[in-house]
Amino acid sequence: MNQTAPMGLNVIVSPFVSFTAKSGATAAKSDLFLIDRNEVGTLLVKDEMSTDQFDDPGRDIRQLKMKERYDIVMLGDGEGITVAKNVRLSRNYEVQVTNDIA
């Protein structure tokens, strides 16, 4: 799910980030990663798109392969990434019932 938060932030929930849910008085905790998408890196085309075709009419085989390779390049020394570990999470909104039963 991708939603826009205040101040132009995009919030992306990932299953690869640790999340510890606690019941009772202890709050849930998670790690928070802030990434500046303009400074973190770039995607480069390593090999342009090329095609390979193989035909064997005797065995009724026809194959077409398309390939293209990319490379991810990090800019700077990871200056576009900040990590906050063990952030306590709590609900910051109140659930309101919007339907009435008559």
PDB file of N, CA and C in Angstrom:
ATOM      1  N   MET A   1       0.846  -1.159   0.000  1.00  0.00           N
ATOM      2  CA  MET A   1       0.000   0.000   0.000  1.00  0.00           C
ATOM      3  C   MET A   1       0.899   1.231   0.000  1.00  0.00           C
ATOM      4  N   ASN A   2       0.639   2.176  -0.859  1.00  0.00           N
ATOM      5  CA  ASN A   2       1.440   3.382  -0.956  1.00  0.00           C
ATOM      6  C   ASN A   2       0.526   4.580  -0.739  1.00  0.00           C
ATOM      7  N   GLN A   3       0.707   5.283   0.348  1.00  0.00           N
ATOM      8  CA  GLN A   3      -0.107   6.441   0.661  1.00  0.00           C
ATOM      9  C   GLN A   3       0.808   7.635   0.873  1.00  0.00           C
ATOM     10  N   THR A   4       0.300   8.811   0.568  1.00  0.00           N
ATOM     11  CA  THR A   4       1.076  10.018   0.786  1.00  0.00           C
ATOM     12  C   THR A   4       0.801  10.537   2.181  1.00  0.00           C
ATOM     13  N   ALA A   5       1.840  10.719   2.949  1.00  0.00           N
ATOM     14  CA  ALA A   5       1.752  11.227   4.315  1.00  0.00           C
ATOM     15  C   ALA A   5       1.988  12.734   4.290  1.00  0.00           C
ATOM     16  N   PRO A   6       1.850  13.398   5.433  1.00  0.00           N
ATOM     17  CA  PRO A   6       2.135  14.843   5.472  1.00  0.00           C
ATOM     18  C   PRO A   6       3.559  15.147   5.042  1.00  0.00           C
ATOM     19  N   MET A   7       3.804  16.339   4.589  1.00  0.00           N
ATOM     20  CA  MET A   7       5.112  16.833   4.153  1.00  0.00           C
ATOM     21  C   MET A   7       5.613  16.116   2.900  1.00  0.00           C
ATOM     22  N   GLY A   8       4.723  15.539   2.101  1.00  0.00           N
ATOM     23  CA  GLY A   8       5.122  14.931   0.842  1.00  0.00           C
ATOM     24  C   GLY A   8       5.862  13.621   0.980  1.00  0.00           C
ATOM     25  N   LEU A   9       5.744  12.936   2.103  1.00  0.00           N
ATOM     26  CA  LEU A   9       6.412  11.656   2.290  1.00  0.00           C
ATOM     27  C   LEU A   9       5.551  10.536   1.730  1.00  0.00           C
ATOM     28  N   ASN A  10       6.170   9.565   1.091  1.00  0.00           N
ATOM     29  CA  ASN A  10       5.465   8.361   0.671  1.00  0.00           C
ATOM     30  C   ASN A  10       5.743   7.277   1.691  1.00  0.00           C
ATOM     31  N   VAL A  11       4.689   6.663   2.198  1.00  0.00           N
ATOM     32  CA  VAL A  11       4.827   5.596   3.180  1.00  0.00           C
ATOM     33  C   VAL A  11       4.653   4.271   2.461  1.00  0.00           C
ATOM     34  N   ILE A  12       5.671   3.427   2.548  1.00  0.00           N
ATOM     35  CA  ILE A  12       5.618   2.116   1.922  1.00  0.00           C
ATOM     36  C   ILE A  12       5.863   1.081   3.015  1.00  0.00           C
ATOM     37  N   VAL A  13       4.908   0.190   3.213  1.00  0.00           N
ATOM     38  CA  VAL A  13       5.023  -0.853   4.214  1.00  0.00           C
ATOM     39  C   VAL A  13       5.704  -2.052   3.559  1.00  0.00           C
ATOM     40  N   SER A  14       6.720  -2.574   4.221  1.00  0.00           N
ATOM     41  CA  SER A  14       7.491  -3.684   3.665  1.00  0.00           C
ATOM     42  C   SER A  14       7.490  -4.873   4.627  1.00  0.00           C
ATOM     43  N   PRO A  15       7.338  -6.087   4.106  1.00  0.00           N
ATOM     44  CA  PRO A  15       7.425  -7.266   4.982  1.00  0.00           C
ATOM     45  C   PRO A  15       8.862  -7.567   5.411  1.00  0.00           C
ATOM     46  N   PHE A  16       9.839  -6.872   4.859  1.00  0.00           N
ATOM     47  CA  PHE A  16      11.241  -7.118   5.154  1.00  0.00           C
ATOM     48  C   PHE A  16      11.768  -6.260   6.311  1.00  0.00           C
ATOM     49  N   VAL A  17      10.924  -5.399   6.877  1.00  0.00           N
ATOM     50  CA  VAL A  17      11.305  -4.562   8.019  1.00  0.00           C
ATOM     51  C   VAL A  17      10.727  -5.203   9.274  1.00  0.00           C
ATOM     52  N   SER A  18      11.542  -5.302  10.309  1.00  0.00           N
ATOM     53  CA  SER A  18      11.088  -5.967  11.539  1.00  0.00           C
ATOM     54  C   SER A  18       9.948  -5.194  12.197  1.00  0.00           C
ATOM     55  N   PHE A  19       9.009  -5.948  12.747  1.00  0.00           N
ATOM     56  CA  PHE A  19       7.876  -5.366  13.456  1.00  0.00           C
ATOM     57  C   PHE A  19       7.563  -6.258  14.643  1.00  0.00           C
ATOM     58  N   THR A  20       7.543  -5.686  15.843  1.00  0.00           N
ATOM     59  CA  THR A  20       7.267  -6.444  17.055  1.00  0.00           C
ATOM     60  C   THR A  20       5.975  -5.915  17.665  1.00  0.00           C
ATOM     61  N   ALA A  21       4.929  -6.717  17.612  1.00  0.00           N
ATOM     62  CA  ALA A  21       3.643  -6.317  18.182  1.00  0.00           C
ATOM     63  C   ALA A  21       3.556  -6.846  19.600  1.00  0.00           C
ATOM     64  N   LYS A  22       3.243  -5.985  20.524  1.00  0.00           N
ATOM     65  CA  LYS A  22       3.117  -6.363  21.932  1.00  0.00           C
ATOM     66  C   LYS A  22       1.697  -6.081  22.385  1.00  0.00           C
ATOM     67  N   SER A  23       1.236  -6.845  23.349  1.00  0.00           N
ATOM     68  CA  SER A  23      -0.079  -6.581  23.928  1.00  0.00           C
ATOM     69  C   SER A  23       0.101  -6.014  25.330  1.00  0.00           C
ATOM     70  N   GLY A  24      -0.880  -5.300  25.776  1.00  0.00           N
ATOM     71  CA  GLY A  24      -0.806  -4.734  27.114  1.00  0.00           C
ATOM     72  C   GLY A  24      -0.176  -3.349  27.108  1.00  0.00           C
ATOM     73  N   ALA A  25       0.664  -3.073  28.099  1.00  0.00           N
ATOM     74  CA  ALA A  25       1.238  -1.739  28.281  1.00  0.00           C
ATOM     75  C   ALA A  25       2.397  -1.460  27.330  1.00  0.00           C
ATOM     76  N   THR A  26       3.047  -2.500  26.832  1.00  0.00           N
ATOM     77  CA  THR A  26       4.199  -2.305  25.963  1.00  0.00           C
ATOM     78  C   THR A  26       3.736  -1.963  24.554  1.00  0.00           C
ATOM     79  N   ALA A  27       4.296  -0.912  23.982  1.00  0.00           N
ATOM     80  CA  ALA A  27       3.913  -0.478  22.642  1.00  0.00           C
ATOM     81  C   ALA A  27       4.607  -1.327  21.589  1.00  0.00           C
ATOM     82  N   ALA A  28       4.018  -1.374  20.405  1.00  0.00           N
ATOM     83  CA  ALA A  28       4.637  -2.073  19.280  1.00  0.00           C
ATOM     84  C   ALA A  28       5.858  -1.292  18.826  1.00  0.00           C
ATOM     85  N   LYS A  29       6.866  -2.010  18.296  1.00  0.00           N
ATOM     86  CA  LYS A  29       8.092  -1.364  17.839  1.00  0.00           C
ATOM     87  C   LYS A  29       8.428  -1.810  16.422  1.00  0.00           C
ATOM     88  N   SER A  30       9.089  -0.929  15.694  1.00  0.00           N
ATOM     89  CA  SER A  30       9.526  -1.244  14.346  1.00  0.00           C
ATOM     90  C   SER A  30      10.714  -0.350  13.995  1.00  0.00           C
ATOM     91  N   ASP A  31      11.394  -0.690  12.920  1.00  0.00           N
ATOM     92  CA  ASP A  31      12.459   0.162  12.395  1.00  0.00           C
ATOM     93  C   ASP A  31      11.875   1.055  11.314  1.00  0.00           C
ATOM     94  N   LEU A  32      12.371   2.274  11.233  1.00  0.00           N
ATOM     95  CA  LEU A  32      11.873   3.248  10.275  1.00  0.00           C
ATOM     96  C   LEU A  32      13.024   3.665   9.374  1.00  0.00           C
ATOM     97  N   PHE A  33      12.841   3.524   8.075  1.00  0.00           N
ATOM     98  CA  PHE A  33      13.858   3.906   7.102  1.00  0.00           C
ATOM     99  C   PHE A  33      13.360   5.128   6.344  1.00  0.00           C
ATOM    100  N   LEU A  34      14.145   6.197   6.355  1.00  0.00           N
ATOM    101  CA  LEU A  34      13.833   7.396   5.577  1.00  0.00           C
ATOM    102  C   LEU A  34      14.797   7.439   4.404  1.00  0.00           C
ATOM    103  N   ILE A  35      14.250   7.431   3.204  1.00  0.00           N
ATOM    104  CA  ILE A  35      15.068   7.365   1.999  1.00  0.00           C
ATOM    105  C   ILE A  35      14.718   8.540   1.099  1.00  0.00           C
ATOM    106  N   ASP A  36      15.720   9.328   0.738  1.00  0.00           N
ATOM    107  CA  ASP A  36      15.541  10.420  -0.213  1.00  0.00           C
ATOM    108  C   ASP A  36      15.721   9.842  -1.614  1.00  0.00           C
ATOM    109  N   ARG A  37      14.617   9.667  -2.324  1.00  0.00           N
ATOM    110  CA  ARG A  37      14.685   8.988  -3.619  1.00  0.00           C
ATOM    111  C   ARG A  37      15.495   9.768  -4.659  1.00  0.00           C
ATOM    112  N   ASN A  38      15.709  11.057  -4.441  1.00  0.00           N
ATOM    113  CA  ASN A  38      16.508  11.837  -5.390  1.00  0.00           C
ATOM    114  C   ASN A  38      18.007  11.708  -5.137  1.00  0.00           C
ATOM    115  N   GLU A  39      18.391  11.216  -3.972  1.00  0.00           N
ATOM    116  CA  GLU A  39      19.804  11.150  -3.611  1.00  0.00           C
ATOM    117  C   GLU A  39      20.315   9.735  -3.369  1.00  0.00           C
ATOM    118  N   VAL A  40      19.438   8.745  -3.378  1.00  0.00           N
ATOM    119  CA  VAL A  40      19.857   7.405  -2.963  1.00  0.00           C
ATOM    120  C   VAL A  40      20.595   6.643  -4.057  1.00  0.00           C
ATOM    121  N   GLY A  41      20.206   6.775  -5.284  1.00  0.00           N
ATOM    122  CA  GLY A  41      20.885   6.023  -6.338  1.00  0.00           C
ATOM    123  C   GLY A  41      20.176   6.204  -7.666  1.00  0.00           C
ATOM    124  N   THR A  42      20.679   5.490  -8.650  1.00  0.00           N
ATOM    125  CA  THR A  42      20.101   5.588  -9.982  1.00  0.00           C
ATOM    126  C   THR A  42      20.111   4.222 -10.639  1.00  0.00           C
ATOM    127  N   LEU A  43      19.227   4.033 -11.585  1.00  0.00           N
ATOM    128  CA  LEU A  43      19.114   2.783 -12.321  1.00  0.00           C
ATOM    129  C   LEU A  43      19.693   3.010 -13.712  1.00  0.00           C
ATOM    130  N   LEU A  44      20.730   2.260 -14.036  1.00  0.00           N
ATOM    131  CA  LEU A  44      21.391   2.405 -15.331  1.00  0.00           C
ATOM    132  C   LEU A  44      21.110   1.189 -16.206  1.00  0.00           C
ATOM    133  N   VAL A  45      21.045   1.410 -17.514  1.00  0.00           N
ATOM    134  CA  VAL A  45      20.900   0.307 -18.462  1.00  0.00           C
ATOM    135  C   VAL A  45      22.291  -0.229 -18.739  1.00  0.00           C
ATOM    136  N   LYS A  46      22.540  -1.472 -18.327  1.00  0.00           N
ATOM    137  CA  LYS A  46      23.841  -2.090 -18.521  1.00  0.00           C
ATOM    138  C   LYS A  46      23.983  -2.631 -19.944  1.00  0.00           C
ATOM    139  N   ASP A  47      22.966  -3.323 -20.428  1.00  0.00           N
ATOM    140  CA  ASP A  47      22.926  -3.826 -21.804  1.00  0.00           C
ATOM    141  C   ASP A  47      21.595  -3.440 -22.416  1.00  0.00           C
ATOM    142  N   GLU A  48      21.655  -2.876 -23.604  1.00  0.00           N
ATOM    143  CA  GLU A  48      20.428  -2.510 -24.308  1.00  0.00           C
ATOM    144  C   GLU A  48      19.640  -3.764 -24.658  1.00  0.00           C
ATOM    145  N   MET A  49      18.359  -3.595 -24.983  1.00  0.00           N
ATOM    146  CA  MET A  49      17.526  -4.734 -25.319  1.00  0.00           C
ATOM    147  C   MET A  49      18.037  -5.409 -26.590  1.00  0.00           C
ATOM    148  N   SER A  50      18.123  -6.728 -26.512  1.00  0.00           N
ATOM    149  CA  SER A  50      18.534  -7.522 -27.671  1.00  0.00           C
ATOM    150  C   SER A  50      17.635  -8.744 -27.757  1.00  0.00           C
ATOM    151  N   THR A  51      17.538  -9.305 -28.948  1.00  0.00           N
ATOM    152  CA  THR A  51      16.707 -10.483 -29.154  1.00  0.00           C
ATOM    153  C   THR A  51      17.542 -11.587 -29.773  1.00  0.00           C
ATOM    154  N   ASP A  52      17.234 -12.811 -29.393  1.00  0.00           N
ATOM    155  CA  ASP A  52      17.823 -14.001 -29.990  1.00  0.00           C
ATOM    156  C   ASP A  52      16.665 -14.874 -30.450  1.00  0.00           C
ATOM    157  N   GLN A  53      16.775 -15.387 -31.685  1.00  0.00           N
ATOM    158  CA  GLN A  53      15.708 -16.214 -32.225  1.00  0.00           C
ATOM    159  C   GLN A  53      16.276 -17.561 -32.622  1.00  0.00           C
ATOM    160  N   PHE A  54      15.528 -18.614 -32.305  1.00  0.00           N
ATOM    161  CA  PHE A  54      15.935 -19.976 -32.641  1.00  0.00           C
ATOM    162  C   PHE A  54      14.749 -20.684 -33.280  1.00  0.00           C
ATOM    163  N   ASP A  55      14.944 -21.208 -34.473  1.00  0.00           N
ATOM    164  CA  ASP A  55      13.895 -21.935 -35.188  1.00  0.00           C
ATOM    165  C   ASP A  55      14.410 -23.315 -35.572  1.00  0.00           C
ATOM    166  N   ASP A  56      13.596 -24.332 -35.323  1.00  0.00           N
ATOM    167  CA  ASP A  56      13.882 -25.699 -35.766  1.00  0.00           C
ATOM    168  C   ASP A  56      12.588 -26.241 -36.357  1.00  0.00           C
ATOM    169  N   PRO A  57      12.352 -26.015 -37.678  1.00  0.00           N
ATOM    170  CA  PRO A  57      11.085 -26.443 -38.292  1.00  0.00           C
ATOM    171  C   PRO A  57      10.895 -27.962 -38.271  1.00  0.00           C
ATOM    172  N   GLY A  58      11.984 -28.728 -38.250  1.00  0.00           N
ATOM    173  CA  GLY A  58      11.865 -30.180 -38.242  1.00  0.00           C
ATOM    174  C   GLY A  58      11.187 -30.694 -36.981  1.00  0.00           C
ATOM    175  N   ARG A  59      11.389 -30.013 -35.868  1.00  0.00           N
ATOM    176  CA  ARG A  59      10.763 -30.418 -34.605  1.00  0.00           C
ATOM    177  C   ARG A  59       9.667 -29.437 -34.169  1.00  0.00           C
ATOM    178  N   ASP A  60       9.308 -28.526 -35.061  1.00  0.00           N
ATOM    179  CA  ASP A  60       8.261 -27.532 -34.794  1.00  0.00           C
ATOM    180  C   ASP A  60       8.569 -26.736 -33.521  1.00  0.00           C
ATOM    181  N   ILE A  61       9.801 -26.217 -33.461  1.00  0.00           N
ATOM    182  CA  ILE A  61      10.237 -25.401 -32.324  1.00  0.00           C
ATOM    183  C   ILE A  61      10.552 -24.001 -32.825  1.00  0.00           C
ATOM    184  N   ARG A  62      10.007 -23.031 -32.126  1.00  0.00           N
ATOM    185  CA  ARG A  62      10.323 -21.628 -32.417  1.00  0.00           C
ATOM    186  C   ARG A  62      10.449 -20.904 -31.094  1.00  0.00           C
ATOM    187  N   GLN A  63      11.586 -20.276 -30.858  1.00  0.00           N
ATOM    188  CA  GLN A  63      11.817 -19.540 -29.618  1.00  0.00           C
ATOM    189  C   GLN A  63      12.304 -18.142 -29.937  1.00  0.00           C
ATOM    190  N   LEU A  64      11.895 -17.218 -29.105  1.00  0.00           N
ATOM    191  CA  LEU A  64      12.359 -15.838 -29.195  1.00  0.00           C
ATOM    192  C   LEU A  64      12.703 -15.388 -27.786  1.00  0.00           C
ATOM    193  N   LYS A  65      13.932 -14.962 -27.593  1.00  0.00           N
ATOM    194  CA  LYS A  65      14.380 -14.506 -26.279  1.00  0.00           C
ATOM    195  C   LYS A  65      14.694 -13.018 -26.368  1.00  0.00           C
ATOM    196  N   MET A  66      14.148 -12.267 -25.410  1.00  0.00           N
ATOM    197  CA  MET A  66      14.438 -10.834 -25.318  1.00  0.00           C
ATOM    198  C   MET A  66      15.151 -10.617 -23.998  1.00  0.00           C
ATOM    199  N   LYS A  67      16.245  -9.873 -24.030  1.00  0.00           N
ATOM    200  CA  LYS A  67      16.985  -9.628 -22.789  1.00  0.00           C
ATOM    201  C   LYS A  67      17.462  -8.188 -22.725  1.00  0.00           C
ATOM    202  N   GLU A  68      17.534  -7.707 -21.494  1.00  0.00           N
ATOM    203  CA  GLU A  68      17.990  -6.354 -21.206  1.00  0.00           C
ATOM    204  C   GLU A  68      18.517  -6.390 -19.778  1.00  0.00           C
ATOM    205  N   ARG A  69      19.642  -5.777 -19.524  1.00  0.00           N
ATOM    206  CA  ARG A  69      20.243  -5.810 -18.182  1.00  0.00           C
ATOM    207  C   ARG A  69      20.349  -4.410 -17.618  1.00  0.00           C
ATOM    208  N   TYR A  70      20.115  -4.345 -16.293  1.00  0.00           N
ATOM    209  CA  TYR A  70      20.176  -3.072 -15.579  1.00  0.00           C
ATOM    210  C   TYR A  70      21.215  -3.169 -14.470  1.00  0.00           C
ATOM    211  N   ASP A  71      21.630  -2.029 -13.978  1.00  0.00           N
ATOM    212  CA  ASP A  71      22.557  -1.967 -12.859  1.00  0.00           C
ATOM    213  C   ASP A  71      22.107  -0.831 -11.947  1.00  0.00           C
ATOM    214  N   ILE A  72      22.177  -1.061 -10.642  1.00  0.00           N
ATOM    215  CA  ILE A  72      21.819  -0.035  -9.663  1.00  0.00           C
ATOM    216  C   ILE A  72      23.105   0.560  -9.118  1.00  0.00           C
ATOM    217  N   VAL A  73      23.218   1.881  -9.177  1.00  0.00           N
ATOM    218  CA  VAL A  73      24.415   2.583  -8.726  1.00  0.00           C
ATOM    219  C   VAL A  73      24.044   3.463  -7.546  1.00  0.00           C
ATOM    220  N   MET A  74      24.733   3.276  -6.426  1.00  0.00           N
ATOM    221  CA  MET A  74      24.502   4.101  -5.239  1.00  0.00           C
ATOM    222  C   MET A  74      25.273   5.413  -5.382  1.00  0.00           C
ATOM    223  N   LEU A  75      24.612   6.504  -5.059  1.00  0.00           N
ATOM    224  CA  LEU A  75      25.253   7.813  -5.118  1.00  0.00           C
ATOM    225  C   LEU A  75      25.825   8.153  -3.747  1.00  0.00           C
ATOM    226  N   GLY A  76      26.969   8.755  -3.713  1.00  0.00           N
ATOM    227  CA  GLY A  76      27.580   9.155  -2.451  1.00  0.00           C
ATOM    228  C   GLY A  76      27.924   7.939  -1.611  1.00  0.00           C
ATOM    229  N   ASP A  77      27.907   8.102  -0.305  1.00  0.00           N
ATOM    230  CA  ASP A  77      28.202   7.009   0.615  1.00  0.00           C
ATOM    231  C   ASP A  77      26.968   6.647   1.428  1.00  0.00           C
ATOM    232  N   GLY A  78      25.835   6.520   0.769  1.00  0.00           N
ATOM    233  CA  GLY A  78      24.593   6.198   1.471  1.00  0.00           C
ATOM    234  C   GLY A  78      24.024   7.380   2.226  1.00  0.00           C
ATOM    235  N   GLU A  79      24.323   8.599   1.785  1.00  0.00           N
ATOM    236  CA  GLU A  79      23.872   9.795   2.482  1.00  0.00           C
ATOM    237  C   GLU A  79      22.377  10.041   2.322  1.00  0.00           C
ATOM    238  N   GLY A  80      21.734   9.333   1.390  1.00  0.00           N
ATOM    239  CA  GLY A  80      20.303   9.520   1.176  1.00  0.00           C
ATOM    240  C   GLY A  80      19.442   8.596   2.020  1.00  0.00           C
ATOM    241  N   ILE A  81      20.070   7.830   2.944  1.00  0.00           N
ATOM    242  CA  ILE A  81      19.325   6.860   3.763  1.00  0.00           C
ATOM    243  C   ILE A  81      19.574   7.134   5.242  1.00  0.00           C
ATOM    244  N   THR A  82      18.505   7.169   6.023  1.00  0.00           N
ATOM    245  CA  THR A  82      18.597   7.316   7.473  1.00  0.00           C
ATOM    246  C   THR A  82      17.752   6.224   8.117  1.00  0.00           C
ATOM    247  N   VAL A  83      18.249   5.626   9.200  1.00  0.00           N
ATOM    248  CA  VAL A  83      17.545   4.551   9.880  1.00  0.00           C
ATOM    249  C   VAL A  83      17.282   4.944  11.328  1.00  0.00           C
ATOM    250  N   ALA A  84      16.038   4.744  11.764  1.00  0.00           N
ATOM    251  CA  ALA A  84      15.678   4.915  13.173  1.00  0.00           C
ATOM    252  C   ALA A  84      15.226   3.547  13.671  1.00  0.00           C
ATOM    253  N   LYS A  85      15.929   2.992  14.660  1.00  0.00           N
ATOM    254  CA  LYS A  85      15.642   1.638  15.124  1.00  0.00           C
ATOM    255  C   LYS A  85      14.773   1.669  16.378  1.00  0.00           C
ATOM    256  N   ASN A  86      13.940   0.640  16.509  1.00  0.00           N
ATOM    257  CA  ASN A  86      13.058   0.441  17.666  1.00  0.00           C
ATOM    258  C   ASN A  86      12.165   1.648  17.952  1.00  0.00           C
ATOM    259  N   VAL A  87      11.488   2.131  16.933  1.00  0.00           N
ATOM    260  CA  VAL A  87      10.560   3.250  17.078  1.00  0.00           C
ATOM    261  C   VAL A  87       9.249   2.713  17.647  1.00  0.00           C
ATOM    262  N   ARG A  88       8.752   3.337  18.713  1.00  0.00           N
ATOM    263  CA  ARG A  88       7.484   2.915  19.301  1.00  0.00           C
ATOM    264  C   ARG A  88       6.335   3.408  18.441  1.00  0.00           C
ATOM    265  N   LEU A  89       5.411   2.519  18.187  1.00  0.00           N
ATOM    266  CA  LEU A  89       4.278   2.837  17.323  1.00  0.00           C
ATOM    267  C   LEU A  89       2.998   2.898  18.147  1.00  0.00           C
ATOM    268  N   SER A  90       2.167   3.856  17.828  1.00  0.00           N
ATOM    269  CA  SER A  90       0.858   3.941  18.461  1.00  0.00           C
ATOM    270  C   SER A  90      -0.128   4.510  17.450  1.00  0.00           C
ATOM    271  N   ARG A  91      -1.384   4.213  17.635  1.00  0.00           N
ATOM    272  CA  ARG A  91      -2.408   4.706  16.725  1.00  0.00           C
ATOM    273  C   ARG A  91      -2.567   6.205  16.923  1.00  0.00           C
ATOM    274  N   ASN A  92      -2.574   6.962  15.834  1.00  0.00           N
ATOM    275  CA  ASN A  92      -2.691   8.410  15.941  1.00  0.00           C
ATOM    276  C   ASN A  92      -3.989   8.925  15.336  1.00  0.00           C
ATOM    277  N   TYR A  93      -4.938   8.035  15.203  1.00  0.00           N
ATOM    278  CA  TYR A  93      -6.238   8.466  14.706  1.00  0.00           C
ATOM    279  C   TYR A  93      -7.322   7.714  15.483  1.00  0.00           C
ATOM    280  N   GLU A  94      -8.515   8.277  15.466  1.00  0.00           N
ATOM    281  CA  GLU A  94      -9.623   7.667  16.173  1.00  0.00           C
ATOM    282  C   GLU A  94     -10.564   7.041  15.154  1.00  0.00           C
ATOM    283  N   VAL A  95     -10.912   5.791  15.377  1.00  0.00           N
ATOM    284  CA  VAL A  95     -11.815   5.097  14.462  1.00  0.00           C
ATOM    285  C   VAL A  95     -13.230   5.603  14.705  1.00  0.00           C
ATOM    286  N   GLN A  96     -13.876   6.045  13.638  1.00  0.00           N
ATOM    287  CA  GLN A  96     -15.249   6.543  13.745  1.00  0.00           C
ATOM    288  C   GLN A  96     -16.160   5.660  12.923  1.00  0.00           C
ATOM    289  N   VAL A  97     -17.300   5.325  13.479  1.00  0.00           N
ATOM    290  CA  VAL A  97     -18.291   4.541  12.761  1.00  0.00           C
ATOM    291  C   VAL A  97     -19.076   5.490  11.882  1.00  0.00           C
ATOM    292  N   THR A  98     -19.162   5.197  10.590  1.00  0.00           N
ATOM    293  CA  THR A  98     -19.831   6.108   9.673  1.00  0.00           C
ATOM    294  C   THR A  98     -21.204   5.620   9.232  1.00  0.00           C
ATOM    295  N   ASN A  99     -21.573   4.399   9.613  1.00  0.00           N
ATOM    296  CA  ASN A  99     -22.911   3.922   9.227  1.00  0.00           C
ATOM    297  C   ASN A  99     -23.782   3.797  10.470  1.00  0.00           C
ATOM    298  N   ASP A 100     -25.030   4.172  10.355  1.00  0.00           N
ATOM    299  CA  ASP A 100     -25.986   4.104  11.452  1.00  0.00           C
ATOM    300  C   ASP A 100     -26.982   2.992  11.175  1.00  0.00           C
ATOM    301  N   ILE A 101     -27.354   2.272  12.202  1.00  0.00           N
ATOM    302  CA  ILE A 101     -28.362   1.222  12.074  1.00  0.00           C
ATOM    303  C   ILE A 101     -29.680   1.797  12.566  1.00  0.00           C
ATOM    304  N   ALA A 102     -30.674   1.773  11.691  1.00  0.00           N
ATOM    305  CA  ALA A 102     -31.981   2.344  12.049  1.00  0.00           C
ATOM    306  C   ALA A 102     -32.933   1.279  12.496  1.00  0.00           C
TER     307      ALA A 102
END
